[in-house]
Every structure is written in structure tokens, then in C-alpha cells.
């Protein structure tokens, strides 16, 4: 593990790290259990000479267990500059106490992992002298010390920080990646040459081996005597170098070092362990796992213009979005330009358009009008009535700056908790009067990664209602001052309103990569992991309980059936073996079952791939509409897989009309979705809503359906139908009669109690399903309350638990039915497993009456129509999982028994 990562690993647990260290060194030859400081002489360093005139030098130290070769290839292949010489020395091989005295490349010995642990002062001093001698050699070769930079990764970075700070000549800079500080009590001491040297530290927020707190403590310690230190945190990075090291660091003198690729190629560094760790972190550190922006950062210079765009207006009371200019806002001079949008943005109702706000980087504005004239805008009675209606319906206005949506900050009086709300409120109602927020205090935050380069990292709006009489304008200027007075009221008839804004720029330490933190931690960010762990424990216990019972029972049955000559005749006439000739008999409406199962496979593939990529951060909220666009496209592409499984199942069920079945599989579910969507679209068109799908988008959706999904389903069905039927037992020509309903119920009841002892198992299933669907709150908030949903790792865990539960209950139901000699399990396994969709619809009804305050017939129709479609898709998806679970189970048990 150490050699793969090339660095020391620290966690808060001493014993965990001792265990990891021991695992690594069990594979090392020549290991020694002695704690003596055995070491070998240091080998000659790896040198990458400059290709042009040698004017600067970088000396970089590797981490624990690595060698200079681990980093030399990076400098040689990735970030090599013509005028810079790179030196990558090797650490001597020494016994590491923390590693049970095993020998490995290390700059000094490690005694422990806590800040108060004794340090190997002798080893640190020896390696410091070695580094100083390399610097002295470069100075002797004619390179000024101001053009020599030292750095390192992990343990190497720790040594570089200490050795660089105590060097007696000024250096160009010091780099510490995922590192910490040693001999901190001796700093700064009498070492003054580098008290002002530029220091860059990079640290991963997911680093559980050298925790981020180590880097933060190092920054605090050094900043006490050297303010020129920068600590950049990469929230999703573990103990590793990462492509996020793409910053330009300008250090004293005229040396400019580009850390384009302090990135070790994955295959070259054999970093498979890191990949596994990152995937695990993406599951369990979800609050930091989904804000990788989908686009490159936009950089501005002082005074550069910044465009403010309008997105839409939304309300949780009507769930009907409208365009920004559906309200009587001031319009920009010239034409209105709508920004080109992707499929997902159009489906969400976004209509991004330019606005008349004039903003320049780092230029504050006290008060300015958005209209071209200082004369109040005259609003017609119709527009005034529409404005009052939108205020009564509690609409919010959404703006966009540099792909950052606007937020409004509120503070709860009782708890002083600060929360952020998407957009800003259009106005409010008080005592039957309506007041509009016609003045916006815009707060923009910027981060400066390097001189004269700025990035927008925050966009906050504080709305105010100011009556037109309170504005005083300077002569021949759009700037204004505001006096005390009343709020701007929207009255019946004609209203005169002045729309104004102010701009305040604030410098922020938040890097561009973390600017979405505000949006992704707005409210209720605490994930109830106790509930999830509880569900996992319950389902594991239930899975083990069922597995033991079912496996032992089935094995006993198989052993009994395979020894038929030793059994009594009465035993041969009962049990699931008796229906072996009918168990795989095609059910009624078999084609419809095939259609549902094929669609379920299509939905499973779409959900799995979408959630997986979203969990990795590839479908970022910064990439607007990408999630919905990806889901739609993936559903169409999964038609190939759906067609294959449907064709093979239809062949198994002895179908005779494959073309008809393939066509129904391709059109059954999409026709319900598109038909309902197009019908609801007419209501939205009647409301002049931006949520209404334009005609061109309808054409695009129909093309995806008929041009992509339908042909892929037919293609997959063709290959699936040509495959051999996947049956492990034959069915008789004439069906055997099933027992009477009462007899079957009695037999199943007796079998259930004989096998499980108590129906508690069913109550456990009920509790698991009910508990998981209580976790739908976040998802429903994102859908119906215009919030960002980013807990995809959490959603992945919940889906796995749900799917396992559906599979288990389907297997149990199928087994009990066959024990009762009832072979009609096909539809029952599908319907009962898909019954979890009842919880989805039930929760939607509960959410409507308890959380939402929807008003109007059309919003209510939209809510329940979309909820029904979601529950229908969920029923098909979970039903397919249960069906295949039961089908695989029955194929295995009947393949293991001898059939006469």
C-alpha cells in the first residue's frame, strides 16, 4: 500500500495504521523486527536536465516507501520546462519503528502518529543536511538560491517544509503536498532567510491517512511567522496527487512554476488501491461527493464585464414555472437573447435569457437602475394583477452569474441558524396588501488564484422593497441614493415602479472547486446514517435468516426427492416437486409479462448507470440539465438490453409472435409516459408556463423514441429470441389441477410457520420498505421544492437495500406457493415485489397533504400525474427485480432435483 501511494499514511487510529503498515511489509524481502536505526547509504538522485539554458532548479522529495523514480517520470513526461532542472533524490532504506522495524525507503524514522509523538531528530537532521547539500551544489553550479525550489509529497513534503524554512539563503518557494510539519518547536528560531518565502500546500479533503487537520495545523503554525503560505483543499481527493493540481504558483523572483500535472498516472503508479478508496469515499462521504463542476473555470480580470442572466420564476405552491420576463421587469437595450439549452434544461422549464444588470469585476455599485430611464416604469393593470398574483403564490426569481444560481441568506431567530434559499422572493403579502421586492442588493464573492486573476465563487441576493418616492437620482446619471420611507406596494390599476440594484464585491478564501458548497448544504444536511446502518443490519440478519432456512429446507427437499425409492408414497404426492411439470408453464397474458420485464430491465439499466455516474460527480449540478438529459438518453440506449432480455424470455415462454411482442415492449411504457406528458403539456401551454415543452423538443423526444429506442429494442429482441430458452425443467402438455384455494392457503400457512416459526419475517420486510421510503424526503424536496439533489451515494445504498429486500420477498413468496402446489408464481412474484411502489404513491399523497401547500386544479393535476408515473416506473422496476430473483431461484432448485 505504501509503495503504491508513495507516501506516509496517518489516521486518528494508531492501531489501524500499524495494521496497514504490517500488511505492506509482510511482502517486503529482508524485513527486520529490530527497532535499531538500520539504514543504507543514499543512492544517487534521479536528475532530469533542462533542455535549454539551465536557469532554475526544482528538488522534489518522494514519500515513505517510494523512490525518486516515482516522481521523476512525472517531471520528465508531464511538466517539464526547458529552463528548469529537476532533481528527485532517493531516501535511504532504514528501519521504521511504526512499521514494526521493517526496512523501507524513509527520510527519517516514525515513532507514532499523534502530534505529540517523539520525532527522529537525528534522521530528520541527516536528511535535512542531504537536501541542503543538493541546494548548495546547485548554487555552486551558478544557480541563485532565489531560483531554487524545494518540495515533496507526504513525508517528503514534511521534510521539504522544515529543511526549506531553516536554510540560510532565500529560496524561490516551498511545496508541500499532503504533508505536515516536523520539528515545529524549533521554528522559526534564528532562521530568517526564508521567513517570507512563498509556500504552497495542497491537501485532500478525503485524506484519512494524513488527515486534512494535519495540513491545517501546519498552515496555522507557519502562518504565525510567515504569512506567505497558501493551503488549497481538494475536497474529493484522498492521500494522492490529483488532476486538481492545475494551479499556477508565482513565487519570488521571476520563476513561475506550473503545477499542471502534479498528477501521477494511475497505471504508471499502480494506484489501484487509491481507486478503491476513492469509490468507497464517494459512498460514505456524500456531503462532499457531488460538487465537481461540469465546466472549466471562467477567469476575469479587474474591470471585466460579468453577465447576469435570468432563468425562470418558480413557486412551491403552484409547481408551474414561468419565464423571467413573464413579469414586468426592465428589459435590456436591444434584443432579448435566449441562451441555447440542452434537453434537460428545457424539460425543467429553464429559459435562460440576458438581463439589463451591468456588473464589472471588483467594481461596487451603490445604487443603479436596471431600466434605461430614471423615470418609474408604468405597469399596466393587467401586468399589475399578474404581479400581485405571483406574489400571492409566493414565486421566487432565479438569476445566474457565471453558472452560479442566486441564493438568499436567512437567519432563524430562535436558533441563529443560517440557511440559504434558492433564488429570491418576488415579494410578500401583508394584511391583504402586496409588496414587491424592486431593489436587489447583489453580493458577489471572488477568489484570487493568482495576481490579477479572479474567479466568481459566490452569488447572493438580498431583496428589498423600496417605494419609488425614496429614490434620489444624480443629474445625468443612472446612480441613485435611497432615503427612508415606505415599501413598494402593488395596487390595483396602474403602478409606477423603479427597478434598482446594488453590487458589493467580497474576497473569499473559498476556491473555485468548492463554490457549490453553499448550494449543496442548504438545509437538513445531516444524513441519518444511523437509520441506514440500522436498515443494513436488519436486512443482513434477515438475509442470513432466510438463506439458512430456505437453503436447508430446499436441500432437505432435494435429498428427499432424489431418494424416492426410500420415501413413502404419501410424501411423493406433495411438495414443490409435484408441480415440476407445470412450474415453467407459460402464464396467462405472457406477452404482457414479457413487456413489463423488458421495460423493467431498461429502467434498471438507466437508473444504475445514471446513479453511478452521478455518484462519481460526472453529472454535476453546475452542468445544468445534465442529469435529466443523461437519464433520457440512457433509457433509449438501454433499449438494446431490454429487447435482448424480453426476446429471450419470450422464447422461453414459447411465444409465436416475436415482432408484435418486440413492438409492444418498445412502445408500452414510453407511450404512457409521452402520452401523459403531452396531455399535461396542453395545460401548461394554457398557463403560458415555461414548463411547457416546445414543439422542437417534442420532435427531439419522438426522434429518440422512434429513431433510437424502438430500433434498439427490435435489434436486442432479435438476438434474444434466437438464443436457446433458459429453462432447467420441462413442462407437461396438460396442466395439472391446482389445489383448492382454502387447501392451498392452509398448506402455505402451515409451511410458513413450520419454516419460519413466526410471521415476524414479514413484519421485518414491511419495516425495511417503510423505513427506506421515509428517506424519500430529500428526493421529493429536490423535485417539488426546487432544491439541488446531490446525495447519490446515499441513494445508491438505499436502492441496494431495497432491491435485495424485493428479491428476498419474491423468493419466499414463490417458494411458499410451490409448497402449496400452486405453480402460478409468474405474475405473483412480479406484482408482490413491485408492490413497494404502493409506498411511493402513498408517500406522495402524504407529502402533498403534510409538506406542500399546492393551490389550484392544474398544479394538483400535475403533481399527482407525475407522482403516478414515478410510482408506475418504480412498480415495473422493482417487479422485474423480484421476478428475476424468483425465476433464478426456481431454475436452480428444479435443476438440482431428479425428475422421473
Foldseek 3Di string as FASTA:
>chain_A
DCALFFAFFAAPDLVVSLVVLQVVLVPPPPWDLDQDWDWDDWDAWDKDAAQAAAAAEEEEETHWQYFLVQCVCCCNPPFDDRHYMYTYTWAIWTQAVSSSRTTGRAQAHDDTRDPPDDGRVVSLVVSLVVVLVVLVVVVVVPHAQLRYEYAYAHRRRQSQVVSQLQDQAEHQEYEYELYAHPPLVCPPPPRDRHLAWAYEYEHECAANTSHVVRVVVRQVSSCVRYVRYYYDYHHLAYRHDDQVQQFWDGTPDRDIGGPRPPDRDCVVSVNPVRVVSSVVCLQVVQLSQAQQFQDDFDKDFFFAKWFKKWWWKAFLQQRFIAGPVVAPAAAAPDDKDWDDDDLLSLLSLTTIITFQDTDTPPDWADKFFSHPDLFFDKDFLVNLVVLQVCQVRFMFTWMAISLDIEWEWDADPPVRDIFIDTGGTQWHDDPNWTFGQQEKEWEWEWEDSDPRIITTQHIYIDTFFADSVQWDDDPPHRGTDGDDDDGQTRDRGMGGHTHMYIYHYHYDSDDNSCSCSNQSPGPPNDDPVVLLVVLVVLLVVLVVLLCVLVVVVLVVVQVCQQPVVPDDPVVVCAFLLNQLQPLLAQDPPNLVLLLLLLLLQLQVQLVVVLLVCLSNNNQHVSSPSSSVVSSLLSSLQCLLVSLLSSLLVCLLNVHDCLVVSLQCSLCVLVVLVVVLLQVLLVVSVVVNGSSRNDPVSVVVSVCSSVVGRSVSSVNSSVVNNPDDHPFLGHHDPDGDDADDPVLLVVQLVVVCCVRVVDPVSVVSLVVSLLSLLVVCPLVVCVSSVVGDDRSSSNVVSSVVSLLSSLQSVLQSVCNSCSSSVHSPSQVVQLQVQLVSLVSQLVVLVVCCVPPGNHDDDSSVVVSNSVSVSVSVSSSSNRSSSSNVSNVVVVRVSSNSHDDD
